[in-house]
């Protein structure tokens, strides 16, 4: 990735229908957080909602964790928890039960119906005093939620590398069964994901695009993350305008 004039050249193998992104610039995570929150701060908003969206294996969760660490008292809600035992991409009404009261200055304490049905313990909690709510996951910036979002990041990824790492992660965790079951679920998921994003196109509404899983980098399908086969985790992230 040669650099010139402060920019980084990077080509990602994005799926058909999603445009290429760039040029890229290196940005510290703390500076990225400040850039994303600037409009809300200028409006003197006491609460801000940031959506981090991207395809499976893109590196959304690692970016979310790094931003969470950069903003004191921020709160993270994963769409995986909202989508658990719900129809694929059919969980927007549950997300609204988190976003709407938070933006209205209320504490959030949500126990999704599927958690009750399946005997899952716990609740999703967000304090009204939290200055930032990060909603992270595939579909986090979908149109149905747009009116409740203050900022959107699209985590772009290389399709081949993200698939490789995402599958390895799922097989290792056993979350979707053995290797054969994991591959079958991944294929089914990608079919639904591609159809959803072809229609929704959240990158067009993004405030910034961050380079996530890319060729030669990433050992755990995470943004800027790396495993034994790659360089150490980068302190900065690569950012582009949408």
Protein backbone atom coordinates (compact mmCIF):
# COMPACT_ATOMS: atom_id res chain seq x y z
CA UNK A 1 0.00 0.00 0.00
CA UNK A 2 2.19 2.87 -1.18
CA UNK A 3 1.51 6.27 0.28
CA UNK A 4 1.73 9.73 -1.20
CA UNK A 5 0.43 13.10 -0.12
CA UNK A 6 -0.76 11.46 3.09
CA UNK A 7 -3.03 9.05 1.21
CA UNK A 8 -2.90 5.27 1.08
CA UNK A 9 -3.58 3.20 -2.01
CA UNK A 10 -5.75 0.18 -1.24
CA UNK A 11 -7.96 -1.89 -3.51
CA UNK A 12 -10.63 -4.05 -1.88
CA UNK A 13 -12.42 -6.83 -3.72
CA UNK A 14 -15.91 -5.58 -2.88
CA UNK A 15 -18.95 -7.58 -4.06
CA UNK A 16 -20.85 -6.63 -7.22
CA UNK A 17 -23.15 -3.69 -6.58
CA UNK A 18 -20.90 -2.06 -4.00
CA UNK A 19 -18.55 0.56 -5.45
CA UNK A 20 -14.86 0.72 -4.78
CA UNK A 21 -13.81 3.02 -1.96
CA UNK A 22 -10.94 5.45 -1.51
CA UNK A 23 -8.64 7.25 -1.51
CA UNK A 24 -7.73 6.32 2.04
CA UNK A 25 -6.13 8.35 4.80
CA UNK A 26 -4.68 7.15 8.07
CA UNK A 27 -6.59 8.35 11.12
CA UNK A 28 -6.14 7.67 14.81
CA UNK A 29 -9.15 6.01 16.40
CA UNK A 30 -9.57 8.89 18.86
CA UNK A 31 -9.57 11.36 15.96
CA UNK A 32 -12.09 9.21 14.10
CA UNK A 33 -14.41 9.29 17.12
CA UNK A 34 -14.07 13.05 17.37
CA UNK A 35 -14.79 13.49 13.66
CA UNK A 36 -17.91 11.35 13.85
CA UNK A 37 -19.25 13.05 16.97
CA UNK A 38 -18.46 16.62 15.91
CA UNK A 39 -21.91 17.41 14.41
CA UNK A 40 -23.71 16.18 17.54
CA UNK A 41 -21.36 18.15 19.78
CA UNK A 42 -21.86 21.28 17.72
CA UNK A 43 -25.61 20.83 18.12
CA UNK A 44 -25.03 20.46 21.89
CA UNK A 45 -26.70 17.06 21.86
CA UNK A 46 -26.33 15.13 25.10
CA UNK A 47 -26.71 11.77 23.36
CA UNK A 48 -25.45 10.46 20.03
CA UNK A 49 -26.15 7.23 18.13
CA UNK A 50 -23.43 5.83 15.88
CA UNK A 51 -24.16 2.89 13.58
CA UNK A 52 -21.28 0.68 12.44
CA UNK A 53 -22.43 -1.41 9.49
CA UNK A 54 -20.69 -3.79 7.13
CA UNK A 55 -20.77 -7.26 5.66
CA UNK A 56 -20.08 -10.49 7.51
CA UNK A 57 -16.43 -10.76 8.51
CA UNK A 58 -15.74 -7.10 7.72
CA UNK A 59 -14.28 -6.18 11.11
CA UNK A 60 -17.18 -4.23 12.59
CA UNK A 61 -16.86 -5.56 16.12
CA UNK A 62 -13.18 -4.69 16.46
CA UNK A 63 -13.75 -1.15 15.19
CA UNK A 64 -16.69 -0.79 17.58
CA UNK A 65 -14.60 -1.98 20.52
CA UNK A 66 -11.84 0.49 19.68
CA UNK A 67 -14.27 3.39 19.39
CA UNK A 68 -15.95 2.28 22.62
CA UNK A 69 -12.59 2.51 24.39
CA UNK A 70 -11.98 5.97 22.92
CA UNK A 71 -15.20 7.53 24.23
CA UNK A 72 -15.67 7.45 28.03
CA UNK A 73 -19.02 6.04 29.20
CA UNK A 74 -20.05 5.00 25.68
CA UNK A 75 -22.34 1.97 25.33
CA UNK A 76 -22.23 -0.80 22.73
CA UNK A 77 -25.25 -2.74 21.47
CA UNK A 78 -24.64 -5.55 18.99
CA UNK A 79 -27.26 -6.34 16.39
CA UNK A 80 -26.37 -10.00 16.98
CA UNK A 81 -28.23 -9.73 20.29
CA UNK A 82 -31.26 -8.15 18.63
CA UNK A 83 -31.22 -10.63 15.75
CA UNK A 84 -30.82 -13.71 17.96
CA UNK A 85 -33.51 -16.23 16.92
CA UNK A 86 -35.23 -13.55 14.83
CA UNK A 87 -35.76 -13.64 11.03
CA UNK A 88 -32.71 -12.47 9.10
CA UNK A 89 -32.81 -8.66 8.90
CA UNK A 90 -36.23 -8.68 10.57
CA UNK A 91 -35.11 -7.19 13.88
CA UNK A 92 -35.46 -3.44 13.12
CA UNK A 93 -38.52 -3.06 15.42
CA UNK A 94 -36.40 -4.34 18.32
CA UNK A 95 -33.63 -1.89 17.48
CA UNK A 96 -36.16 0.93 17.58
CA UNK A 97 -37.11 -0.15 21.10
CA UNK A 98 -33.51 0.67 22.04
CA UNK A 99 -32.84 3.75 19.92
CA UNK A 100 -36.09 5.69 20.37
CA UNK A 101 -36.18 5.78 24.19
CA UNK A 102 -32.44 6.43 24.43
CA UNK A 103 -32.71 9.42 22.12
CA UNK A 104 -35.70 10.62 24.16
CA UNK A 105 -33.55 10.67 27.30
CA UNK A 106 -34.86 7.47 28.87
CA UNK A 107 -33.02 4.48 30.30
CA UNK A 108 -33.30 1.37 28.14
CA UNK A 109 -33.88 -2.09 29.55
CA UNK A 110 -34.97 -4.49 26.82
CA UNK A 111 -35.42 -8.22 27.02
CA UNK A 112 -36.14 -9.39 23.45
CA UNK A 113 -39.03 -11.87 23.14
CA UNK A 114 -36.73 -14.52 21.65
CA UNK A 115 -34.57 -14.39 24.76
CA UNK A 116 -37.62 -15.21 26.84
CA UNK A 117 -38.75 -17.98 24.51
CA UNK A 118 -35.32 -19.58 24.32
CA UNK A 119 -34.45 -19.17 27.99
CA UNK A 120 -31.55 -16.77 27.42
CA UNK A 121 -30.58 -14.82 30.52
CA UNK A 122 -29.99 -11.08 30.72
CA UNK A 123 -31.29 -7.84 29.23
CA UNK A 124 -30.02 -5.14 26.88
CA UNK A 125 -29.36 -2.03 28.95
CA UNK A 126 -28.43 1.51 27.94
CA UNK A 127 -28.24 4.39 30.40
CA UNK A 128 -29.71 7.72 29.40
CA UNK A 129 -26.50 9.29 30.74
CA UNK A 130 -24.33 7.51 28.19
CA UNK A 131 -23.09 10.13 25.70
CA UNK A 132 -22.70 7.65 22.86
CA UNK A 133 -24.63 4.56 21.85
CA UNK A 134 -22.81 2.43 19.27
CA UNK A 135 -25.09 0.09 17.34
CA UNK A 136 -22.81 -2.43 15.66
CA UNK A 137 -23.56 -5.21 13.23
CA UNK A 138 -24.68 -6.13 9.77
CA UNK A 139 -27.72 -4.00 9.01
CA UNK A 140 -27.08 -1.47 11.78
CA UNK A 141 -27.45 1.45 9.37
CA UNK A 142 -30.47 0.17 7.46
CA UNK A 143 -33.04 2.66 6.20
CA UNK A 144 -35.62 1.63 8.80
CA UNK A 145 -33.34 3.05 11.52
CA UNK A 146 -31.98 6.06 9.66
CA UNK A 147 -34.06 8.69 11.46
CA UNK A 148 -32.57 7.58 14.79
CA UNK A 149 -28.91 7.63 13.73
CA UNK A 150 -26.57 10.59 14.16
CA UNK A 151 -23.57 9.09 12.36
CA UNK A 152 -22.91 6.05 10.18
CA UNK A 153 -19.69 4.18 9.43
CA UNK A 154 -19.55 1.61 6.65
CA UNK A 155 -16.79 -0.96 7.21
CA UNK A 156 -15.68 -1.98 3.73
CA UNK A 157 -13.98 -5.33 3.27
CA UNK A 158 -12.36 -7.62 0.76
CA UNK A 159 -14.95 -10.29 -0.03
CA UNK A 160 -12.55 -13.21 -0.44
CA UNK A 161 -10.53 -12.44 2.69
CA UNK A 162 -13.59 -11.70 4.81
CA UNK A 163 -15.16 -15.00 3.79
CA UNK A 164 -11.98 -16.88 4.61
CA UNK A 165 -11.61 -15.32 8.04
CA UNK A 166 -15.30 -15.27 8.87
CA UNK A 167 -15.67 -18.96 8.12
CA UNK A 168 -12.56 -19.81 10.14
CA UNK A 169 -13.95 -17.83 13.08
CA UNK A 170 -17.35 -19.52 12.93
CA UNK A 171 -15.87 -23.00 12.56
CA UNK A 172 -13.52 -22.43 15.49
CA UNK A 173 -16.31 -21.13 17.75
CA UNK A 174 -18.82 -23.78 16.68
CA UNK A 175 -21.56 -21.16 16.83
CA UNK A 176 -23.25 -22.63 13.74
CA UNK A 177 -22.29 -26.27 14.24
CA UNK A 178 -19.47 -28.30 12.71
CA UNK A 179 -17.49 -27.30 9.62
CA UNK A 180 -20.10 -28.53 7.14
CA UNK A 181 -22.93 -26.79 8.99
CA UNK A 182 -20.87 -23.61 9.33
CA UNK A 183 -20.19 -23.50 5.59
CA UNK A 184 -23.84 -24.14 4.77
CA UNK A 185 -24.96 -21.38 7.13
CA UNK A 186 -22.37 -18.96 5.73
CA UNK A 187 -23.57 -19.57 2.17
CA UNK A 188 -27.20 -19.06 3.20
CA UNK A 189 -26.30 -15.93 5.16
CA UNK A 190 -24.39 -14.41 2.26
CA UNK A 191 -27.33 -14.98 -0.07
CA UNK A 192 -29.62 -13.05 2.28
CA UNK A 193 -26.98 -10.43 3.05
CA UNK A 194 -26.25 -9.69 -0.61
CA UNK A 195 -29.95 -9.31 -1.39
CA UNK A 196 -30.44 -7.02 1.60
CA UNK A 197 -27.51 -4.75 0.80
CA UNK A 198 -28.31 -4.64 -2.91
CA UNK A 199 -31.60 -3.04 -1.89
CA UNK A 200 -30.59 -1.02 1.17
CA UNK A 201 -27.12 0.28 0.09
CA UNK A 202 -26.10 1.74 3.49
CA UNK A 203 -22.68 2.85 2.22
CA UNK A 204 -24.50 5.60 0.33
CA UNK A 205 -25.71 7.06 3.66
CA UNK A 206 -22.40 6.63 5.49
CA UNK A 207 -20.56 9.61 6.91
CA UNK A 208 -17.26 7.76 6.60
CA UNK A 209 -15.97 4.46 5.22
CA UNK A 210 -13.37 2.49 7.18
CA UNK A 211 -11.21 -0.22 5.61
CA UNK A 212 -11.85 -3.43 7.49
CA UNK A 213 -10.75 -6.93 6.51
CA UNK A 214 -8.37 -6.65 3.59
CA UNK A 215 -5.86 -8.81 1.71
CA UNK A 216 -2.87 -9.74 3.82
CA UNK A 217 -4.25 -8.18 7.01
CA UNK A 218 -6.51 -9.68 9.65
CA UNK A 219 -6.41 -12.98 11.43
CA UNK A 220 -9.82 -12.79 13.06
CA UNK A 221 -12.04 -11.06 10.53
CA UNK A 222 -11.70 -7.79 12.41
CA UNK A 223 -10.91 -4.24 11.29
CA UNK A 224 -7.23 -3.53 11.65
CA UNK A 225 -6.88 -6.77 13.64
CA UNK A 226 -4.32 -9.40 12.83
CA UNK A 227 -3.33 -12.91 13.68
CA UNK A 228 -0.09 -14.87 13.55
CA UNK A 229 0.02 -14.54 9.77
CA UNK A 230 -0.03 -10.74 9.68
CA UNK A 231 1.51 -7.63 11.19
CA UNK A 232 0.57 -6.40 14.69
CA UNK A 233 -2.67 -4.50 15.17
CA UNK A 234 -2.41 -1.06 13.60
CA UNK A 235 -2.98 1.91 15.88
CA UNK A 236 -4.59 3.90 13.07
CA UNK A 237 -7.47 3.04 10.77
CA UNK A 238 -7.84 3.74 7.07
CA UNK A 239 -10.71 6.13 6.38
CA UNK A 240 -12.33 7.35 3.16
CA UNK A 241 -15.24 9.56 2.24
CA UNK A 242 -18.29 7.63 0.94
